[in-house]
């Protein structure tokens, strides 16, 4: 599971694409975490791809909580493949930005030359 973690004793937040691409499995992990003794609250946000666990550090460690989430991951084809439409749109946007920057620079230089000719 590729993720980022923020941990302070008693609170663990994990961000992962797996929470977005497999929401039903993420809910199962949420229920599993809630069943652990010492877990007070579990908030799952599938849109943001994060889960926040409030727990008693005297009863559990953050490593035990991470181990409970270990099997959740996105299938390779969903995680690694970029849609050709997305690539095309990004290319078009980059092209427009590049042409725009070129035109702005050309106009700027022309204005300086024009002002220089009058002086």
Protein backbone atom coordinates (compact mmCIF):
# COMPACT_ATOMS: atom_id res chain seq x y z
CA UNK A 1 0.00 0.00 0.00
CA UNK A 2 1.59 3.29 -1.10
CA UNK A 3 0.66 5.90 1.47
CA UNK A 4 1.63 8.84 3.58
CA UNK A 5 1.32 8.72 7.32
CA UNK A 6 0.87 11.32 10.01
CA UNK A 7 1.09 9.97 13.53
CA UNK A 8 0.96 11.35 17.02
CA UNK A 9 0.26 9.01 19.93
CA UNK A 10 -3.48 8.40 19.95
CA UNK A 11 -4.10 9.56 16.39
CA UNK A 12 -3.06 8.02 13.08
CA UNK A 13 -3.90 9.39 9.64
CA UNK A 14 -3.12 7.46 6.50
CA UNK A 15 -3.59 8.80 2.96
CA UNK A 16 -3.66 6.25 0.16
CA UNK A 17 -5.13 5.91 -3.32
CA UNK A 18 -6.43 2.52 -2.15
CA UNK A 19 -9.14 4.27 -0.11
CA UNK A 20 -10.42 5.87 -3.33
CA UNK A 21 -10.08 3.01 -5.79
CA UNK A 22 -11.47 0.31 -3.48
CA UNK A 23 -14.07 1.99 -1.26
CA UNK A 24 -15.84 -1.24 -0.27
CA UNK A 25 -12.57 -2.80 0.93
CA UNK A 26 -11.73 0.46 2.70
CA UNK A 27 -15.04 0.26 4.57
CA UNK A 28 -14.19 -3.32 5.56
CA UNK A 29 -10.85 -2.08 6.94
CA UNK A 30 -12.74 0.65 8.80
CA UNK A 31 -14.98 -1.98 10.42
CA UNK A 32 -11.96 -4.14 11.26
CA UNK A 33 -10.22 -1.21 12.93
CA UNK A 34 -13.37 -0.34 14.90
CA UNK A 35 -13.48 -3.91 16.21
CA UNK A 36 -9.99 -3.62 17.72
CA UNK A 37 -9.89 -3.01 21.45
CA UNK A 38 -8.51 0.46 22.10
CA UNK A 39 -9.81 2.07 18.90
CA UNK A 40 -12.11 4.96 19.79
CA UNK A 41 -13.05 6.36 16.39
CA UNK A 42 -12.30 5.70 12.70
CA UNK A 43 -13.14 8.28 10.04
CA UNK A 44 -12.89 7.17 6.44
CA UNK A 45 -12.94 9.72 3.63
CA UNK A 46 -12.96 7.87 0.30
CA UNK A 47 -13.05 11.12 -1.70
CA UNK A 48 -9.86 12.42 -0.08
CA UNK A 49 -8.34 8.94 0.11
CA UNK A 50 -7.67 9.03 3.83
CA UNK A 51 -8.52 7.29 7.05
CA UNK A 52 -8.05 8.75 10.53
CA UNK A 53 -7.93 6.51 13.59
CA UNK A 54 -8.22 7.76 17.17
CA UNK A 55 -6.97 5.11 19.56
CA UNK A 56 -5.63 4.48 23.03
CA UNK A 57 -1.81 4.34 22.81
CA UNK A 58 -1.77 2.32 26.04
CA UNK A 59 -3.63 -0.52 24.29
CA UNK A 60 -2.39 -0.32 20.68
CA UNK A 61 0.55 0.94 18.70
CA UNK A 62 0.34 2.71 15.37
CA UNK A 63 2.28 -0.21 13.86
CA UNK A 64 -0.51 -2.62 14.84
CA UNK A 65 -3.05 -0.33 13.18
CA UNK A 66 -0.94 -0.13 10.01
CA UNK A 67 -0.64 -3.92 9.98
CA UNK A 68 -4.45 -4.17 9.98
CA UNK A 69 -4.51 -1.99 6.83
CA UNK A 70 -1.62 -3.78 5.12
CA UNK A 71 -3.56 -5.79 2.53
CA UNK A 72 -5.48 -2.85 1.06
CA UNK A 73 -4.04 -1.68 -2.25
CA UNK A 74 -5.17 -0.58 -5.71
CA UNK A 75 -4.96 -3.05 -8.57
CA UNK A 76 -1.94 -2.29 -10.77
CA UNK A 77 -3.97 -1.46 -13.86
CA UNK A 78 -5.93 1.25 -12.03
CA UNK A 79 -2.91 2.76 -10.35
CA UNK A 80 -0.31 2.73 -13.13
CA UNK A 81 -2.24 3.46 -16.33
CA UNK A 82 -2.97 7.02 -17.41
CA UNK A 83 -5.86 7.59 -19.78
CA UNK A 84 -4.82 8.70 -23.29
CA UNK A 85 -7.50 11.41 -23.09
CA UNK A 86 -5.82 12.83 -19.97
CA UNK A 87 -2.42 12.78 -21.68
CA UNK A 88 -3.86 14.50 -24.76
CA UNK A 89 -5.57 17.20 -22.74
CA UNK A 90 -2.43 17.84 -20.69
CA UNK A 91 -0.40 18.09 -23.90
CA UNK A 92 -2.86 20.56 -25.41
CA UNK A 93 -2.83 22.71 -22.27
CA UNK A 94 0.98 22.70 -22.19
CA UNK A 95 1.09 23.63 -25.88
CA UNK A 96 -1.28 26.57 -25.36
CA UNK A 97 0.73 27.78 -22.39
CA UNK A 98 3.97 27.53 -24.35
CA UNK A 99 2.57 29.42 -27.36
CA UNK A 100 1.08 32.05 -25.04
CA UNK A 101 4.41 32.59 -23.31
CA UNK A 102 6.18 32.87 -26.66
CA UNK A 103 3.66 35.46 -27.94
CA UNK A 104 3.88 37.48 -24.71
CA UNK A 105 7.67 37.57 -24.95
CA UNK A 106 7.55 38.60 -28.62
CA UNK A 107 5.09 41.41 -27.88
CA UNK A 108 7.19 42.56 -24.94
CA UNK A 109 10.35 42.73 -27.07
CA UNK A 110 8.49 44.55 -29.86
CA UNK A 111 7.23 47.15 -27.39
CA UNK A 112 10.76 47.73 -26.07
CA UNK A 113 12.11 48.12 -29.61
CA UNK A 114 9.31 50.56 -30.48
CA UNK A 115 9.98 52.67 -27.40
CA UNK A 116 13.72 52.52 -28.14
CA UNK A 117 13.12 53.77 -31.67
CA UNK A 118 11.27 56.83 -30.37
CA UNK A 119 14.02 57.66 -27.91
